Protein backbone atom coordinates (compact mmCIF):
# COMPACT_ATOMS: atom_id res chain seq x y z
CA MET A 1 37.82 -20.73 -20.21
CA ALA A 2 40.58 -18.14 -20.09
CA LEU A 3 39.81 -14.61 -18.94
CA ARG A 4 41.05 -11.70 -21.00
CA PRO A 5 42.69 -8.65 -19.42
CA ALA A 6 40.57 -5.50 -19.33
CA GLY A 7 40.48 -3.67 -22.62
CA GLN A 8 41.17 -6.73 -24.79
CA TYR A 9 38.18 -7.99 -26.69
CA ALA A 10 37.94 -10.87 -29.10
CA ALA A 11 37.22 -9.83 -32.65
CA VAL A 12 33.92 -11.17 -33.88
CA THR A 13 34.42 -12.90 -37.20
CA THR A 14 32.31 -15.07 -39.41
CA ALA A 15 34.17 -18.06 -37.98
CA ASP A 16 32.62 -17.26 -34.57
CA GLU A 17 29.10 -17.46 -35.96
CA PRO A 18 27.31 -20.78 -35.80
CA THR A 19 27.46 -22.68 -39.07
CA VAL A 20 24.07 -24.31 -38.54
CA ILE A 21 21.03 -22.84 -36.82
CA GLU A 22 18.29 -25.30 -35.93
CA PHE A 23 14.72 -24.18 -35.36
CA ARG A 24 12.87 -26.72 -33.23
CA ARG A 25 9.44 -26.99 -31.75
CA SER A 26 9.63 -26.03 -28.09
CA ARG A 27 7.42 -27.78 -25.55
CA GLY A 28 8.33 -25.01 -23.08
CA ARG A 29 6.91 -22.31 -25.39
CA GLU A 30 3.72 -24.33 -25.82
CA VAL A 31 3.29 -24.84 -22.09
CA GLY A 32 4.10 -21.17 -21.46
CA PHE A 33 1.46 -20.09 -23.96
CA LEU A 34 -1.15 -22.36 -22.41
CA ALA A 35 -0.20 -21.31 -18.87
CA THR A 36 -0.71 -17.67 -19.87
CA ALA A 37 -3.80 -18.10 -22.01
CA LEU A 38 -5.77 -20.21 -19.51
CA PRO A 39 -5.84 -17.56 -16.73
CA VAL A 40 -6.55 -14.81 -19.28
CA LEU A 41 -9.54 -16.76 -20.57
CA ALA A 42 -10.73 -17.41 -17.02
CA VAL A 43 -10.57 -13.69 -16.16
CA ALA A 44 -12.36 -12.78 -19.40
CA LEU A 45 -15.10 -15.29 -18.61
CA ALA A 46 -15.42 -13.91 -15.06
CA VAL A 47 -15.79 -10.36 -16.42
CA VAL A 48 -18.45 -11.51 -18.89
CA ASN A 49 -20.27 -13.28 -16.05
CA LEU A 50 -20.18 -10.17 -13.85
CA ALA A 51 -21.38 -7.97 -16.72
CA SER A 52 -24.31 -10.28 -17.39
CA GLY A 53 -25.31 -10.49 -13.71
CA ASP A 54 -24.23 -14.12 -13.15
CA PRO A 55 -21.88 -15.23 -10.35
CA TRP A 56 -18.28 -14.60 -11.46
CA TRP A 57 -17.28 -18.26 -10.97
CA ASP A 58 -20.09 -19.61 -13.12
CA GLY A 59 -18.60 -21.66 -15.98
CA LEU A 60 -14.92 -21.23 -15.07
CA TRP A 61 -14.40 -24.90 -15.88
CA LEU A 62 -15.06 -24.10 -19.58
CA PRO A 63 -11.60 -22.68 -20.49
CA LEU A 64 -9.88 -25.73 -18.99
CA THR A 65 -12.20 -28.02 -20.93
CA TRP A 66 -11.59 -26.06 -24.15
CA PHE A 67 -7.82 -26.41 -23.78
CA LEU A 68 -8.04 -30.12 -23.02
CA LEU A 69 -10.26 -30.70 -26.05
CA TRP A 70 -8.07 -28.47 -28.23
CA GLY A 71 -4.94 -30.42 -27.22
CA PHE A 72 -6.64 -33.75 -27.85
CA PHE A 73 -8.16 -32.86 -31.21
CA ARG A 74 -5.00 -31.15 -32.41
CA GLY A 75 -3.16 -34.45 -32.00
CA VAL A 76 -5.96 -36.36 -33.72
CA ALA A 77 -6.32 -33.87 -36.58
CA ARG A 78 -2.58 -33.74 -37.31
CA PRO A 79 -0.86 -36.97 -36.25
CA PRO A 80 2.96 -36.94 -36.47
CA SER A 81 3.03 -39.37 -39.41
CA SER A 82 0.87 -37.10 -41.59
CA GLY A 83 3.03 -34.01 -41.83
CA GLN A 84 5.96 -32.15 -40.37
CA ARG A 85 8.26 -33.86 -37.91
CA PRO A 86 7.48 -32.56 -34.45
CA GLY A 87 11.09 -32.04 -33.36
CA LEU A 88 13.11 -30.37 -36.10
CA PRO A 89 11.17 -28.66 -38.87
CA LEU A 90 13.88 -26.28 -40.12
CA ARG A 91 17.69 -26.04 -40.27
CA LEU A 92 19.68 -23.15 -41.74
CA ALA A 93 23.16 -24.19 -42.86
CA VAL A 94 25.84 -22.04 -44.45
CA ASP A 95 25.08 -23.12 -48.02
CA HIS A 96 21.51 -24.44 -47.83
CA LEU A 97 18.17 -24.55 -46.04
CA GLN A 98 16.80 -27.89 -44.81
CA VAL A 99 13.13 -28.59 -44.27
CA ALA A 100 11.81 -31.71 -42.53
CA GLY A 101 8.78 -33.04 -44.29
CA PRO A 102 6.34 -35.91 -44.22
CA GLY A 103 7.72 -39.15 -42.89
CA GLU A 104 11.49 -39.18 -42.55
CA ARG A 105 12.18 -37.05 -45.62
CA THR A 106 14.33 -33.94 -45.52
CA LEU A 107 14.56 -31.45 -48.36
CA ALA A 108 17.65 -29.29 -48.90
CA ILE A 109 17.48 -26.10 -50.96
CA GLU A 110 20.61 -24.07 -51.72
CA TRP A 111 20.34 -20.39 -50.80
CA SER A 112 20.91 -19.38 -54.42
CA ASN A 113 17.93 -21.56 -55.40
CA VAL A 114 15.42 -19.95 -53.01
CA ALA A 115 13.04 -17.80 -55.07
CA ARG A 116 10.81 -16.84 -52.15
CA ALA A 117 10.92 -17.32 -48.39
CA GLU A 118 8.44 -15.29 -46.36
CA ILE A 119 6.80 -15.57 -42.98
CA SER A 120 3.08 -14.88 -42.81
CA GLY A 121 0.46 -15.07 -40.09
CA TRP A 122 0.45 -13.95 -36.49
CA TRP A 123 -1.72 -16.47 -34.63
CA TYR A 124 -0.54 -19.34 -36.80
CA PRO A 125 2.74 -18.25 -38.43
CA VAL A 126 3.93 -20.15 -41.48
CA LEU A 127 7.15 -19.97 -43.49
CA ALA A 128 6.44 -20.29 -47.22
CA ILE A 129 9.45 -21.36 -49.27
CA GLU A 130 9.54 -21.68 -53.03
CA PRO A 131 12.57 -22.95 -54.94
CA ALA A 132 13.52 -21.20 -58.19
CA ASP A 133 14.38 -24.53 -59.83
CA PRO A 134 12.66 -27.57 -58.22
CA ASP A 135 15.08 -29.93 -59.99
CA ARG A 136 18.04 -28.41 -58.09
CA THR A 137 16.63 -29.30 -54.67
CA ARG A 138 17.94 -32.40 -52.90
CA PRO A 139 15.99 -34.56 -53.61
CA PRO A 140 14.19 -32.96 -56.58
CA ILE A 141 10.54 -32.25 -55.83
CA ALA A 142 7.51 -32.82 -58.02
CA ARG A 143 4.53 -30.51 -58.43
CA TRP A 144 2.30 -30.44 -55.34
CA GLU A 145 4.51 -33.07 -53.64
CA TRP A 146 4.69 -31.11 -50.38
CA ALA A 147 1.06 -29.94 -50.59
CA THR A 148 -0.42 -28.75 -47.30
CA TYR A 149 -3.34 -26.64 -46.17
CA GLY A 150 -3.07 -23.11 -47.54
CA GLN A 151 -0.61 -23.92 -50.30
CA SER A 152 -1.28 -21.87 -53.42
CA ARG A 153 1.68 -22.65 -55.69
CA PRO A 154 2.75 -26.04 -57.07
CA TYR A 155 6.29 -26.08 -55.61
CA GLU A 156 5.59 -24.12 -52.44
CA ILE A 157 6.69 -25.62 -49.14
CA ARG A 158 4.86 -24.43 -46.01
CA VAL A 159 6.50 -24.87 -42.61
CA PRO A 160 4.40 -24.13 -39.51
CA LEU A 161 6.33 -21.95 -37.04
CA VAL A 162 4.08 -22.34 -34.00
CA TYR A 163 6.07 -22.68 -30.73
CA LEU A 164 9.33 -22.50 -32.68
CA SER A 165 12.54 -21.92 -30.80
CA PRO A 166 14.72 -19.73 -31.07
CA GLY A 167 11.82 -17.75 -32.59
CA ARG A 168 10.34 -16.01 -35.62
CA ASP A 169 12.34 -12.81 -35.20
CA GLN A 170 15.66 -14.62 -35.41
CA LEU A 171 14.38 -16.61 -38.39
CA ARG A 172 13.46 -13.35 -40.16
CA ARG A 173 16.93 -11.91 -39.48
CA GLU A 174 18.69 -15.05 -40.68
CA LEU A 175 16.61 -15.25 -43.85
CA ALA A 176 17.32 -11.60 -44.63
CA ARG A 177 21.03 -12.18 -44.05
CA ARG A 178 21.34 -15.40 -46.04
CA LEU A 179 19.02 -14.90 -49.00
CA PRO A 180 20.49 -13.34 -52.12
CA ALA A 181 19.43 -9.75 -52.68
């Protein structure tokens, strides 16, 4: 890597921007959330115990048990073969948006064909995408083909954004930049 003399800066152009941005599920974000939430729950339980007159340590094993059960039942309730691919749910390319769906299928929607793309939810954020013309997607989608929990429109595609890296804020910025006004 060559160093530039002081005062000379490289011009930032569209060629310097990445052509494809991949949003992946991050095991580090999931572990970080759990590592933060477990002590917070333990402190909250200790405060409740002290307020009720019980020893502060009474029942501190409960948050750990809840997280273990939550992790186990989450895998049972949503096995990888039933829905979104665990690794790469979303890819933003220069000319289209790609969504990984059930099985090994990937759906590509051109930016000009995106009628609606909005992020909703705070605890469980979801990206809802709706194509303007379902026959122009690659491959074309049928009514309710990508049906998931919470879907309210026949061609809506819902992508869970939990533990997504690089993050929801960057996804919002990229969608605002790439979607037609």
